[in-house]
Amino acid sequence: MKEYRNVECKRCGYQWYSEQFAEDGKVPEQCTRCYQDSVREIPEPPTRIDIWKEELVKKKNELPGKIKETRHRAIIWKENNKLLISLINTGIIITLLVAALIYFLFIR
């Protein structure tokens, strides 16, 4: 496997692989090109699995909020449409009564 560049000079932008950083985790004190004391580590690029994991955790954290929002919308809709719900229930009852009346008068 090809070793990636793990440290970078902040001043000149030179990037190189440091065995000292790979083994001990200590950033070198000086840049090998400009010999300045401004060296920082370069984080490893995220893999596809890491990206998918972050997206999954994000969706998992958003899910309870979406459930609460949907439940809240349903309650609000029910409160705002009580008249419509009662009219539909009344229509169903009247239709069943008419069907029962027709059944008992004409079919039986």
PDB file of N, CA and C in Angstrom:
ATOM      1  N   MET A   1       0.838  -1.184   0.000  1.00  0.00           N
ATOM      2  CA  MET A   1       0.000   0.000   0.000  1.00  0.00           C
ATOM      3  C   MET A   1       0.884   1.248   0.000  1.00  0.00           C
ATOM      4  N   LYS A   2       0.535   2.196  -0.808  1.00  0.00           N
ATOM      5  CA  LYS A   2       1.317   3.415  -0.918  1.00  0.00           C
ATOM      6  C   LYS A   2       1.087   4.275   0.326  1.00  0.00           C
ATOM      7  N   GLU A   3       2.173   4.763   0.907  1.00  0.00           N
ATOM      8  CA  GLU A   3       2.058   5.590   2.098  1.00  0.00           C
ATOM      9  C   GLU A   3       1.685   7.008   1.679  1.00  0.00           C
ATOM     10  N   TYR A   4       0.719   7.581   2.369  1.00  0.00           N
ATOM     11  CA  TYR A   4       0.277   8.925   2.039  1.00  0.00           C
ATOM     12  C   TYR A   4       1.150   9.951   2.754  1.00  0.00           C
ATOM     13  N   ARG A   5       1.041  11.176   2.353  1.00  0.00           N
ATOM     14  CA  ARG A   5       1.785  12.264   2.992  1.00  0.00           C
ATOM     15  C   ARG A   5       1.040  12.641   4.270  1.00  0.00           C
ATOM     16  N   ASN A   6       1.731  12.609   5.403  1.00  0.00           N
ATOM     17  CA  ASN A   6       1.033  12.805   6.665  1.00  0.00           C
ATOM     18  C   ASN A   6       1.373  14.101   7.396  1.00  0.00           C
ATOM     19  N   VAL A   7       2.345  14.883   6.920  1.00  0.00           N
ATOM     20  CA  VAL A   7       2.652  16.180   7.532  1.00  0.00           C
ATOM     21  C   VAL A   7       2.831  17.231   6.443  1.00  0.00           C
ATOM     22  N   GLU A   8       2.625  18.507   6.847  1.00  0.00           N
ATOM     23  CA  GLU A   8       2.697  19.605   5.885  1.00  0.00           C
ATOM     24  C   GLU A   8       3.283  20.829   6.576  1.00  0.00           C
ATOM     25  N   CYS A   9       4.057  21.595   5.832  1.00  0.00           N
ATOM     26  CA  CYS A   9       4.598  22.854   6.338  1.00  0.00           C
ATOM     27  C   CYS A   9       3.548  23.939   6.124  1.00  0.00           C
ATOM     28  N   LYS A  10       3.250  24.688   7.172  1.00  0.00           N
ATOM     29  CA  LYS A  10       2.251  25.757   7.055  1.00  0.00           C
ATOM     30  C   LYS A  10       2.786  26.927   6.237  1.00  0.00           C
ATOM     31  N   ARG A  11       4.099  27.117   6.255  1.00  0.00           N
ATOM     32  CA  ARG A  11       4.689  28.277   5.590  1.00  0.00           C
ATOM     33  C   ARG A  11       4.822  28.075   4.080  1.00  0.00           C
ATOM     34  N   CYS A  12       5.462  26.972   3.670  1.00  0.00           N
ATOM     35  CA  CYS A  12       5.726  26.777   2.237  1.00  0.00           C
ATOM     36  C   CYS A  12       4.752  25.807   1.573  1.00  0.00           C
ATOM     37  N   GLY A  13       3.974  25.057   2.356  1.00  0.00           N
ATOM     38  CA  GLY A  13       2.988  24.144   1.787  1.00  0.00           C
ATOM     39  C   GLY A  13       3.539  22.798   1.358  1.00  0.00           C
ATOM     40  N   TYR A  14       4.793  22.528   1.650  1.00  0.00           N
ATOM     41  CA  TYR A  14       5.419  21.254   1.273  1.00  0.00           C
ATOM     42  C   TYR A  14       4.833  20.123   2.115  1.00  0.00           C
ATOM     43  N   GLN A  15       4.492  19.024   1.449  1.00  0.00           N
ATOM     44  CA  GLN A  15       3.926  17.859   2.131  1.00  0.00           C
ATOM     45  C   GLN A  15       4.868  16.679   1.953  1.00  0.00           C
ATOM     46  N   TRP A  16       5.042  15.888   3.021  1.00  0.00           N
ATOM     47  CA  TRP A  16       5.885  14.712   2.939  1.00  0.00           C
ATOM     48  C   TRP A  16       5.423  13.680   3.952  1.00  0.00           C
ATOM     49  N   TYR A  17       5.976  12.455   3.789  1.00  0.00           N
ATOM     50  CA  TYR A  17       5.669  11.375   4.720  1.00  0.00           C
ATOM     51  C   TYR A  17       6.717  11.375   5.820  1.00  0.00           C
ATOM     52  N   SER A  18       6.275  11.434   7.068  1.00  0.00           N
ATOM     53  CA  SER A  18       7.191  11.435   8.205  1.00  0.00           C
ATOM     54  C   SER A  18       7.052  10.123   8.959  1.00  0.00           C
ATOM     55  N   GLU A  19       8.153   9.361   9.008  1.00  0.00           N
ATOM     56  CA  GLU A  19       8.138   8.100   9.753  1.00  0.00           C
ATOM     57  C   GLU A  19       8.013   8.357  11.252  1.00  0.00           C
ATOM     58  N   GLN A  20       8.616   9.437  11.728  1.00  0.00           N
ATOM     59  CA  GLN A  20       8.533   9.796  13.146  1.00  0.00           C
ATOM     60  C   GLN A  20       7.072  10.013  13.553  1.00  0.00           C
ATOM     61  N   PHE A  21       6.316  10.720  12.721  1.00  0.00           N
ATOM     62  CA  PHE A  21       4.907  10.966  13.034  1.00  0.00           C
ATOM     63  C   PHE A  21       4.102   9.677  12.937  1.00  0.00           C
ATOM     64  N   ALA A  22       4.425   8.836  11.963  1.00  0.00           N
ATOM     65  CA  ALA A  22       3.694   7.582  11.792  1.00  0.00           C
ATOM     66  C   ALA A  22       3.921   6.636  12.968  1.00  0.00           C
ATOM     67  N   GLU A  23       5.138   6.613  13.506  1.00  0.00           N
ATOM     68  CA  GLU A  23       5.454   5.688  14.599  1.00  0.00           C
ATOM     69  C   GLU A  23       5.062   6.243  15.969  1.00  0.00           C
ATOM     70  N   ASP A  24       5.485   7.471  16.272  1.00  0.00           N
ATOM     71  CA  ASP A  24       5.299   8.037  17.613  1.00  0.00           C
ATOM     72  C   ASP A  24       4.083   8.949  17.724  1.00  0.00           C
ATOM     73  N   GLY A  25       3.632   9.487  16.615  1.00  0.00           N
ATOM     74  CA  GLY A  25       2.540  10.452  16.655  1.00  0.00           C
ATOM     75  C   GLY A  25       3.020  11.862  16.954  1.00  0.00           C
ATOM     76  N   LYS A  26       4.352  12.082  16.902  1.00  0.00           N
ATOM     77  CA  LYS A  26       4.910  13.409  17.156  1.00  0.00           C
ATOM     78  C   LYS A  26       5.188  14.095  15.820  1.00  0.00           C
ATOM     79  N   VAL A  27       4.691  15.306  15.691  1.00  0.00           N
ATOM     80  CA  VAL A  27       4.920  16.079  14.470  1.00  0.00           C
ATOM     81  C   VAL A  27       6.372  16.552  14.464  1.00  0.00           C
ATOM     82  N   PRO A  28       7.073  16.470  13.315  1.00  0.00           N
ATOM     83  CA  PRO A  28       8.466  16.952  13.248  1.00  0.00           C
ATOM     84  C   PRO A  28       8.552  18.435  13.612  1.00  0.00           C
ATOM     85  N   GLU A  29       9.694  18.825  14.143  1.00  0.00           N
ATOM     86  CA  GLU A  29       9.858  20.207  14.589  1.00  0.00           C
ATOM     87  C   GLU A  29      10.078  21.174  13.429  1.00  0.00           C
ATOM     88  N   GLN A  30      10.757  20.721  12.365  1.00  0.00           N
ATOM     89  CA  GLN A  30      11.086  21.621  11.264  1.00  0.00           C
ATOM     90  C   GLN A  30      10.675  21.014   9.932  1.00  0.00           C
ATOM     91  N   CYS A  31      10.414  21.904   8.987  1.00  0.00           N
ATOM     92  CA  CYS A  31      10.135  21.494   7.609  1.00  0.00           C
ATOM     93  C   CYS A  31      11.447  21.048   6.970  1.00  0.00           C
ATOM     94  N   THR A  32      11.403  20.001   6.147  1.00  0.00           N
ATOM     95  CA  THR A  32      12.628  19.514   5.501  1.00  0.00           C
ATOM     96  C   THR A  32      13.033  20.376   4.313  1.00  0.00           C
ATOM     97  N   ARG A  33      12.164  21.264   3.871  1.00  0.00           N
ATOM     98  CA  ARG A  33      12.476  22.117   2.734  1.00  0.00           C
ATOM     99  C   ARG A  33      12.906  23.526   3.167  1.00  0.00           C
ATOM    100  N   CYS A  34      12.115  24.182   4.041  1.00  0.00           N
ATOM    101  CA  CYS A  34      12.426  25.567   4.415  1.00  0.00           C
ATOM    102  C   CYS A  34      12.971  25.700   5.842  1.00  0.00           C
ATOM    103  N   TYR A  35      13.014  24.616   6.596  1.00  0.00           N
ATOM    104  CA  TYR A  35      13.570  24.574   7.953  1.00  0.00           C
ATOM    105  C   TYR A  35      12.904  25.565   8.910  1.00  0.00           C
ATOM    106  N   GLN A  36      11.601  25.754   8.752  1.00  0.00           N
ATOM    107  CA  GLN A  36      10.835  26.600   9.670  1.00  0.00           C
ATOM    108  C   GLN A  36      10.063  25.714  10.648  1.00  0.00           C
ATOM    109  N   ASP A  37       9.661  26.310  11.768  1.00  0.00           N
ATOM    110  CA  ASP A  37       8.968  25.551  12.814  1.00  0.00           C
ATOM    111  C   ASP A  37       7.448  25.601  12.648  1.00  0.00           C
ATOM    112  N   SER A  38       6.968  25.487  11.463  1.00  0.00           N
ATOM    113  CA  SER A  38       5.516  25.571  11.245  1.00  0.00           C
ATOM    114  C   SER A  38       5.037  24.322  10.510  1.00  0.00           C
ATOM    115  N   VAL A  39       5.049  23.201  11.216  1.00  0.00           N
ATOM    116  CA  VAL A  39       4.650  21.924  10.624  1.00  0.00           C
ATOM    117  C   VAL A  39       3.368  21.456  11.301  1.00  0.00           C
ATOM    118  N   ARG A  40       2.442  20.959  10.507  1.00  0.00           N
ATOM    119  CA  ARG A  40       1.190  20.422  11.058  1.00  0.00           C
ATOM    120  C   ARG A  40       0.904  19.078  10.415  1.00  0.00           C
ATOM    121  N   GLU A  41       0.045  18.301  11.088  1.00  0.00           N
ATOM    122  CA  GLU A  41      -0.318  16.996  10.539  1.00  0.00           C
ATOM    123  C   GLU A  41      -1.427  17.152   9.502  1.00  0.00           C
ATOM    124  N   ILE A  42      -1.464  16.233   8.554  1.00  0.00           N
ATOM    125  CA  ILE A  42      -2.530  16.179   7.555  1.00  0.00           C
ATOM    126  C   ILE A  42      -3.430  15.010   7.940  1.00  0.00           C
ATOM    127  N   PRO A  43      -4.699  15.269   8.194  1.00  0.00           N
ATOM    128  CA  PRO A  43      -5.573  14.147   8.552  1.00  0.00           C
ATOM    129  C   PRO A  43      -5.789  13.222   7.361  1.00  0.00           C
ATOM    130  N   GLU A  44      -6.031  11.952   7.671  1.00  0.00           N
ATOM    131  CA  GLU A  44      -6.297  10.989   6.605  1.00  0.00           C
ATOM    132  C   GLU A  44      -7.617  11.334   5.929  1.00  0.00           C
ATOM    133  N   PRO A  45      -7.690  11.169   4.613  1.00  0.00           N
ATOM    134  CA  PRO A  45      -8.967  11.436   3.952  1.00  0.00           C
ATOM    135  C   PRO A  45      -9.997  10.392   4.381  1.00  0.00           C
ATOM    136  N   PRO A  46     -11.258  10.807   4.553  1.00  0.00           N
ATOM    137  CA  PRO A  46     -12.270   9.836   4.984  1.00  0.00           C
ATOM    138  C   PRO A  46     -12.563   8.815   3.886  1.00  0.00           C
ATOM    139  N   THR A  47     -12.799   7.582   4.292  1.00  0.00           N
ATOM    140  CA  THR A  47     -13.138   6.535   3.333  1.00  0.00           C
ATOM    141  C   THR A  47     -14.631   6.588   3.044  1.00  0.00           C
ATOM    142  N   ARG A  48     -15.068   5.813   2.059  1.00  0.00           N
ATOM    143  CA  ARG A  48     -16.492   5.770   1.727  1.00  0.00           C
ATOM    144  C   ARG A  48     -17.312   5.269   2.909  1.00  0.00           C
ATOM    145  N   ILE A  49     -16.770   4.301   3.623  1.00  0.00           N
ATOM    146  CA  ILE A  49     -17.486   3.751   4.778  1.00  0.00           C
ATOM    147  C   ILE A  49     -17.652   4.821   5.852  1.00  0.00           C
ATOM    148  N   ASP A  50     -16.611   5.631   6.079  1.00  0.00           N
ATOM    149  CA  ASP A  50     -16.716   6.713   7.063  1.00  0.00           C
ATOM    150  C   ASP A  50     -17.779   7.726   6.649  1.00  0.00           C
ATOM    151  N   ILE A  51     -17.823   8.057   5.362  1.00  0.00           N
ATOM    152  CA  ILE A  51     -18.815   9.008   4.864  1.00  0.00           C
ATOM    153  C   ILE A  51     -20.217   8.443   5.036  1.00  0.00           C
ATOM    154  N   TRP A  52     -20.418   7.172   4.678  1.00  0.00           N
ATOM    155  CA  TRP A  52     -21.738   6.543   4.830  1.00  0.00           C
ATOM    156  C   TRP A  52     -22.135   6.472   6.298  1.00  0.00           C
ATOM    157  N   LYS A  53     -21.151   6.193   7.158  1.00  0.00           N
ATOM    158  CA  LYS A  53     -21.431   6.118   8.599  1.00  0.00           C
ATOM    159  C   LYS A  53     -21.898   7.475   9.119  1.00  0.00           C
ATOM    160  N   GLU A  54     -21.223   8.550   8.713  1.00  0.00           N
ATOM    161  CA  GLU A  54     -21.616   9.890   9.149  1.00  0.00           C
ATOM    162  C   GLU A  54     -23.021  10.236   8.670  1.00  0.00           C
ATOM    163  N   GLU A  55     -23.350   9.876   7.415  1.00  0.00           N
ATOM    164  CA  GLU A  55     -24.690  10.143   6.898  1.00  0.00           C
ATOM    165  C   GLU A  55     -25.741   9.356   7.666  1.00  0.00           C
ATOM    166  N   LEU A  56     -25.432   8.099   7.997  1.00  0.00           N
ATOM    167  CA  LEU A  56     -26.372   7.262   8.741  1.00  0.00           C
ATOM    168  C   LEU A  56     -26.608   7.809  10.145  1.00  0.00           C
ATOM    169  N   VAL A  57     -25.546   8.236  10.811  1.00  0.00           N
ATOM    170  CA  VAL A  57     -25.692   8.811  12.153  1.00  0.00           C
ATOM    171  C   VAL A  57     -26.499  10.104  12.085  1.00  0.00           C
ATOM    172  N   LYS A  58     -26.262  10.905  11.050  1.00  0.00           N
ATOM    173  CA  LYS A  58     -27.007  12.154  10.885  1.00  0.00           C
ATOM    174  C   LYS A  58     -28.495  11.874  10.693  1.00  0.00           C
ATOM    175  N   LYS A  59     -28.825  10.899   9.841  1.00  0.00           N
ATOM    176  CA  LYS A  59     -30.228  10.545   9.622  1.00  0.00           C
ATOM    177  C   LYS A  59     -30.853   9.983  10.892  1.00  0.00           C
ATOM    178  N   LYS A  60     -30.079   9.183  11.635  1.00  0.00           N
ATOM    179  CA  LYS A  60     -30.578   8.607  12.888  1.00  0.00           C
ATOM    180  C   LYS A  60     -30.906   9.707  13.891  1.00  0.00           C
ATOM    181  N   ASN A  61     -30.070  10.726  13.955  1.00  0.00           N
ATOM    182  CA  ASN A  61     -30.309  11.822  14.886  1.00  0.00           C
ATOM    183  C   ASN A  61     -31.473  12.706  14.452  1.00  0.00           C
ATOM    184  N   GLU A  62     -31.747  12.797  13.149  1.00  0.00           N
ATOM    185  CA  GLU A  62     -32.854  13.612  12.652  1.00  0.00           C
ATOM    186  C   GLU A  62     -34.200  12.911  12.784  1.00  0.00           C
ATOM    187  N   LEU A  63     -34.215  11.584  12.865  1.00  0.00           N
ATOM    188  CA  LEU A  63     -35.458  10.815  12.845  1.00  0.00           C
ATOM    189  C   LEU A  63     -36.417  11.155  13.984  1.00  0.00           C
ATOM    190  N   PRO A  64     -35.994  11.240  15.252  1.00  0.00           N
ATOM    191  CA  PRO A  64     -36.960  11.575  16.307  1.00  0.00           C
ATOM    192  C   PRO A  64     -37.634  12.928  16.092  1.00  0.00           C
ATOM    193  N   GLY A  65     -36.894  13.895  15.591  1.00  0.00           N
ATOM    194  CA  GLY A  65     -37.476  15.207  15.306  1.00  0.00           C
ATOM    195  C   GLY A  65     -38.530  15.131  14.216  1.00  0.00           C
ATOM    196  N   LYS A  66     -38.272  14.323  13.186  1.00  0.00           N
ATOM    197  CA  LYS A  66     -39.246  14.169  12.105  1.00  0.00           C
ATOM    198  C   LYS A  66     -40.505  13.479  12.604  1.00  0.00           C
ATOM    199  N   ILE A  67     -40.345  12.489  13.492  1.00  0.00           N
ATOM    200  CA  ILE A  67     -41.511  11.784  14.035  1.00  0.00           C
ATOM    201  C   ILE A  67     -42.358  12.742  14.862  1.00  0.00           C
ATOM    202  N   LYS A  68     -41.715  13.544  15.713  1.00  0.00           N
ATOM    203  CA  LYS A  68     -42.457  14.515  16.526  1.00  0.00           C
ATOM    204  C   LYS A  68     -43.167  15.528  15.645  1.00  0.00           C
ATOM    205  N   GLU A  69     -42.493  15.984  14.596  1.00  0.00           N
ATOM    206  CA  GLU A  69     -43.094  16.967  13.694  1.00  0.00           C
ATOM    207  C   GLU A  69     -44.307  16.385  12.978  1.00  0.00           C
ATOM    208  N   THR A  70     -44.204  15.145  12.504  1.00  0.00           N
ATOM    209  CA  THR A  70     -45.320  14.496  11.813  1.00  0.00           C
ATOM    210  C   THR A  70     -46.490  14.291  12.766  1.00  0.00           C
ATOM    211  N   ARG A  71     -46.213  13.859  13.976  1.00  0.00           N
ATOM    212  CA  ARG A  71     -47.264  13.660  14.977  1.00  0.00           C
ATOM    213  C   ARG A  71     -47.948  14.991  15.293  1.00  0.00           C
ATOM    214  N   HIS A  72     -47.154  16.048  15.429  1.00  0.00           N
ATOM    215  CA  HIS A  72     -47.701  17.370  15.711  1.00  0.00           C
ATOM    216  C   HIS A  72     -48.597  17.844  14.564  1.00  0.00           C
ATOM    217  N   ARG A  73     -48.154  17.630  13.333  1.00  0.00           N
ATOM    218  CA  ARG A  73     -48.972  18.018  12.175  1.00  0.00           C
ATOM    219  C   ARG A  73     -50.288  17.258  12.141  1.00  0.00           C
ATOM    220  N   ALA A  74     -50.259  15.960  12.490  1.00  0.00           N
ATOM    221  CA  ALA A  74     -51.486  15.159  12.499  1.00  0.00           C
ATOM    222  C   ALA A  74     -52.459  15.676  13.551  1.00  0.00           C
ATOM    223  N   ILE A  75     -51.956  16.032  14.720  1.00  0.00           N
ATOM    224  CA  ILE A  75     -52.823  16.556  15.780  1.00  0.00           C
ATOM    225  C   ILE A  75     -53.422  17.891  15.361  1.00  0.00           C
ATOM    226  N   ILE A  76     -52.613  18.752  14.766  1.00  0.00           N
ATOM    227  CA  ILE A  76     -53.115  20.056  14.312  1.00  0.00           C
ATOM    228  C   ILE A  76     -54.174  19.862  13.233  1.00  0.00           C
ATOM    229  N   TRP A  77     -53.928  18.949  12.276  1.00  0.00           N
ATOM    230  CA  TRP A  77     -54.897  18.704  11.209  1.00  0.00           C
ATOM    231  C   TRP A  77     -56.211  18.204  11.800  1.00  0.00           C
ATOM    232  N   LYS A  78     -56.117  17.303  12.769  1.00  0.00           N
ATOM    233  CA  LYS A  78     -57.320  16.759  13.402  1.00  0.00           C
ATOM    234  C   LYS A  78     -58.096  17.862  14.117  1.00  0.00           C
ATOM    235  N   GLU A  79     -57.407  18.745  14.808  1.00  0.00           N
ATOM    236  CA  GLU A  79     -58.077  19.844  15.512  1.00  0.00           C
ATOM    237  C   GLU A  79     -58.710  20.830  14.529  1.00  0.00           C
ATOM    238  N   ASN A  80     -58.042  21.101  13.430  1.00  0.00           N
ATOM    239  CA  ASN A  80     -58.560  22.069  12.463  1.00  0.00           C
ATOM    240  C   ASN A  80     -59.698  21.512  11.621  1.00  0.00           C
ATOM    241  N   ASN A  81     -59.824  20.200  11.526  1.00  0.00           N
ATOM    242  CA  ASN A  81     -60.825  19.597  10.648  1.00  0.00           C
ATOM    243  C   ASN A  81     -61.836  18.740  11.409  1.00  0.00           C
ATOM    244  N   LYS A  82     -62.186  19.150  12.626  1.00  0.00           N
ATOM    245  CA  LYS A  82     -63.180  18.399  13.403  1.00  0.00           C
ATOM    246  C   LYS A  82     -64.518  18.366  12.684  1.00  0.00           C
ATOM    247  N   LEU A  83     -64.923  19.488  12.087  1.00  0.00           N
ATOM    248  CA  LEU A  83     -66.201  19.550  11.375  1.00  0.00           C
ATOM    249  C   LEU A  83     -66.198  18.580  10.200  1.00  0.00           C
ATOM    250  N   LEU A  84     -65.134  18.558   9.430  1.00  0.00           N
ATOM    251  CA  LEU A  84     -65.037  17.650   8.290  1.00  0.00           C
ATOM    252  C   LEU A  84     -65.102  16.194   8.741  1.00  0.00           C
ATOM    253  N   ILE A  85     -64.398  15.870   9.809  1.00  0.00           N
ATOM    254  CA  ILE A  85     -64.409  14.495  10.322  1.00  0.00           C
ATOM    255  C   ILE A  85     -65.804  14.109  10.788  1.00  0.00           C
ATOM    256  N   SER A  86     -66.492  15.016  11.490  1.00  0.00           N
ATOM    257  CA  SER A  86     -67.847  14.698  11.962  1.00  0.00           C
ATOM    258  C   SER A  86     -68.818  14.575  10.794  1.00  0.00           C
ATOM    259  N   LEU A  87     -68.660  15.381   9.743  1.00  0.00           N
ATOM    260  CA  LEU A  87     -69.528  15.262   8.559  1.00  0.00           C
ATOM    261  C   LEU A  87     -69.305  13.928   7.854  1.00  0.00           C
ATOM    262  N   ILE A  88     -68.081  13.506   7.749  1.00  0.00           N
ATOM    263  CA  ILE A  88     -67.790  12.213   7.118  1.00  0.00           C
ATOM    264  C   ILE A  88     -68.387  11.077   7.939  1.00  0.00           C
ATOM    265  N   ASN A  89     -68.225  11.133   9.261  1.00  0.00           N
ATOM    266  CA  ASN A  89     -68.806  10.095  10.121  1.00  0.00           C
ATOM    267  C   ASN A  89     -70.328  10.078  10.008  1.00  0.00           C
ATOM    268  N   THR A  90     -70.951  11.251   9.979  1.00  0.00           N
ATOM    269  CA  THR A  90     -72.411  11.338   9.830  1.00  0.00           C
ATOM    270  C   THR A  90     -72.836  10.776   8.484  1.00  0.00           C
ATOM    271  N   GLY A  91     -72.106  11.087   7.434  1.00  0.00           N
ATOM    272  CA  GLY A  91     -72.428  10.558   6.107  1.00  0.00           C
ATOM    273  C   GLY A  91     -72.340   9.045   6.069  1.00  0.00           C
ATOM    274  N   ILE A  92     -71.339   8.492   6.716  1.00  0.00           N
ATOM    275  CA  ILE A  92     -71.201   7.026   6.764  1.00  0.00           C
ATOM    276  C   ILE A  92     -72.381   6.405   7.499  1.00  0.00           C
ATOM    277  N   ILE A  93     -72.773   6.995   8.627  1.00  0.00           N
ATOM    278  CA  ILE A  93     -73.901   6.458   9.402  1.00  0.00           C
ATOM    279  C   ILE A  93     -75.194   6.543   8.605  1.00  0.00           C
ATOM    280  N   ILE A  94     -75.458   7.676   7.954  1.00  0.00           N
ATOM    281  CA  ILE A  94     -76.684   7.835   7.155  1.00  0.00           C
ATOM    282  C   ILE A  94     -76.690   6.840   6.005  1.00  0.00           C
ATOM    283  N   THR A  95     -75.553   6.648   5.338  1.00  0.00           N
ATOM    284  CA  THR A  95     -75.475   5.687   4.233  1.00  0.00           C
ATOM    285  C   THR A  95     -75.764   4.273   4.723  1.00  0.00           C
ATOM    286  N   LEU A  96     -75.246   3.901   5.862  1.00  0.00           N
ATOM    287  CA  LEU A  96     -75.516   2.570   6.420  1.00  0.00           C
ATOM    288  C   LEU A  96     -76.986   2.413   6.803  1.00  0.00           C
ATOM    289  N   LEU A  97     -77.587   3.466   7.369  1.00  0.00           N
ATOM    290  CA  LEU A  97     -79.015   3.401   7.720  1.00  0.00           C
ATOM    291  C   LEU A  97     -79.890   3.261   6.481  1.00  0.00           C
ATOM    292  N   VAL A  98     -79.581   4.010   5.423  1.00  0.00           N
ATOM    293  CA  VAL A  98     -80.350   3.912   4.171  1.00  0.00           C
ATOM    294  C   VAL A  98     -80.182   2.529   3.567  1.00  0.00           C
ATOM    295  N   ALA A  99     -78.965   1.990   3.585  1.00  0.00           N
ATOM    296  CA  ALA A  99     -78.735   0.649   3.049  1.00  0.00           C
ATOM    297  C   ALA A  99     -79.507  -0.389   3.851  1.00  0.00           C
ATOM    298  N   ALA A 100     -79.541  -0.257   5.161  1.00  0.00           N
ATOM    299  CA  ALA A 100     -80.298  -1.200   5.997  1.00  0.00           C
ATOM    300  C   ALA A 100     -81.792  -1.072   5.740  1.00  0.00           C
ATOM    301  N   LEU A 101     -82.284   0.151   5.579  1.00  0.00           N
ATOM    302  CA  LEU A 101     -83.704   0.379   5.291  1.00  0.00           C
ATOM    303  C   LEU A 101     -84.097  -0.240   3.953  1.00  0.00           C
ATOM    304  N   ILE A 102     -83.279  -0.041   2.931  1.00  0.00           N
ATOM    305  CA  ILE A 102     -83.558  -0.632   1.618  1.00  0.00           C
ATOM    306  C   ILE A 102     -83.525  -2.151   1.713  1.00  0.00           C
ATOM    307  N   TYR A 103     -82.602  -2.691   2.449  1.00  0.00           N
ATOM    308  CA  TYR A 103     -82.506  -4.141   2.603  1.00  0.00           C
ATOM    309  C   TYR A 103     -83.762  -4.704   3.260  1.00  0.00           C
ATOM    310  N   PHE A 104     -84.204  -4.085   4.358  1.00  0.00           N
ATOM    311  CA  PHE A 104     -85.358  -4.618   5.079  1.00  0.00           C
ATOM    312  C   PHE A 104     -86.674  -4.383   4.345  1.00  0.00           C
ATOM    313  N   LEU A 105     -86.792  -3.293   3.587  1.00  0.00           N
ATOM    314  CA  LEU A 105     -88.059  -3.004   2.908  1.00  0.00           C
ATOM    315  C   LEU A 105     -88.210  -3.759   1.592  1.00  0.00           C
ATOM    316  N   PHE A 106     -87.164  -3.811   0.802  1.00  0.00           N
ATOM    317  CA  PHE A 106     -87.321  -4.334  -0.553  1.00  0.00           C
ATOM    318  C   PHE A 106     -86.735  -5.727  -0.759  1.00  0.00           C
ATOM    319  N   ILE A 107     -85.725  -6.088  -0.073  1.00  0.00           N
ATOM    320  CA  ILE A 107     -85.070  -7.366  -0.336  1.00  0.00           C
ATOM    321  C   ILE A 107     -85.650  -8.460   0.543  1.00  0.00           C
ATOM    322  N   ARG A 108     -86.039  -8.199   1.728  1.00  0.00           N
ATOM    323  CA  ARG A 108     -86.552  -9.207   2.632  1.00  0.00           C
ATOM    324  C   ARG A 108     -87.966  -9.462   2.482  1.00  0.00           C
TER     325      ARG A 108
END
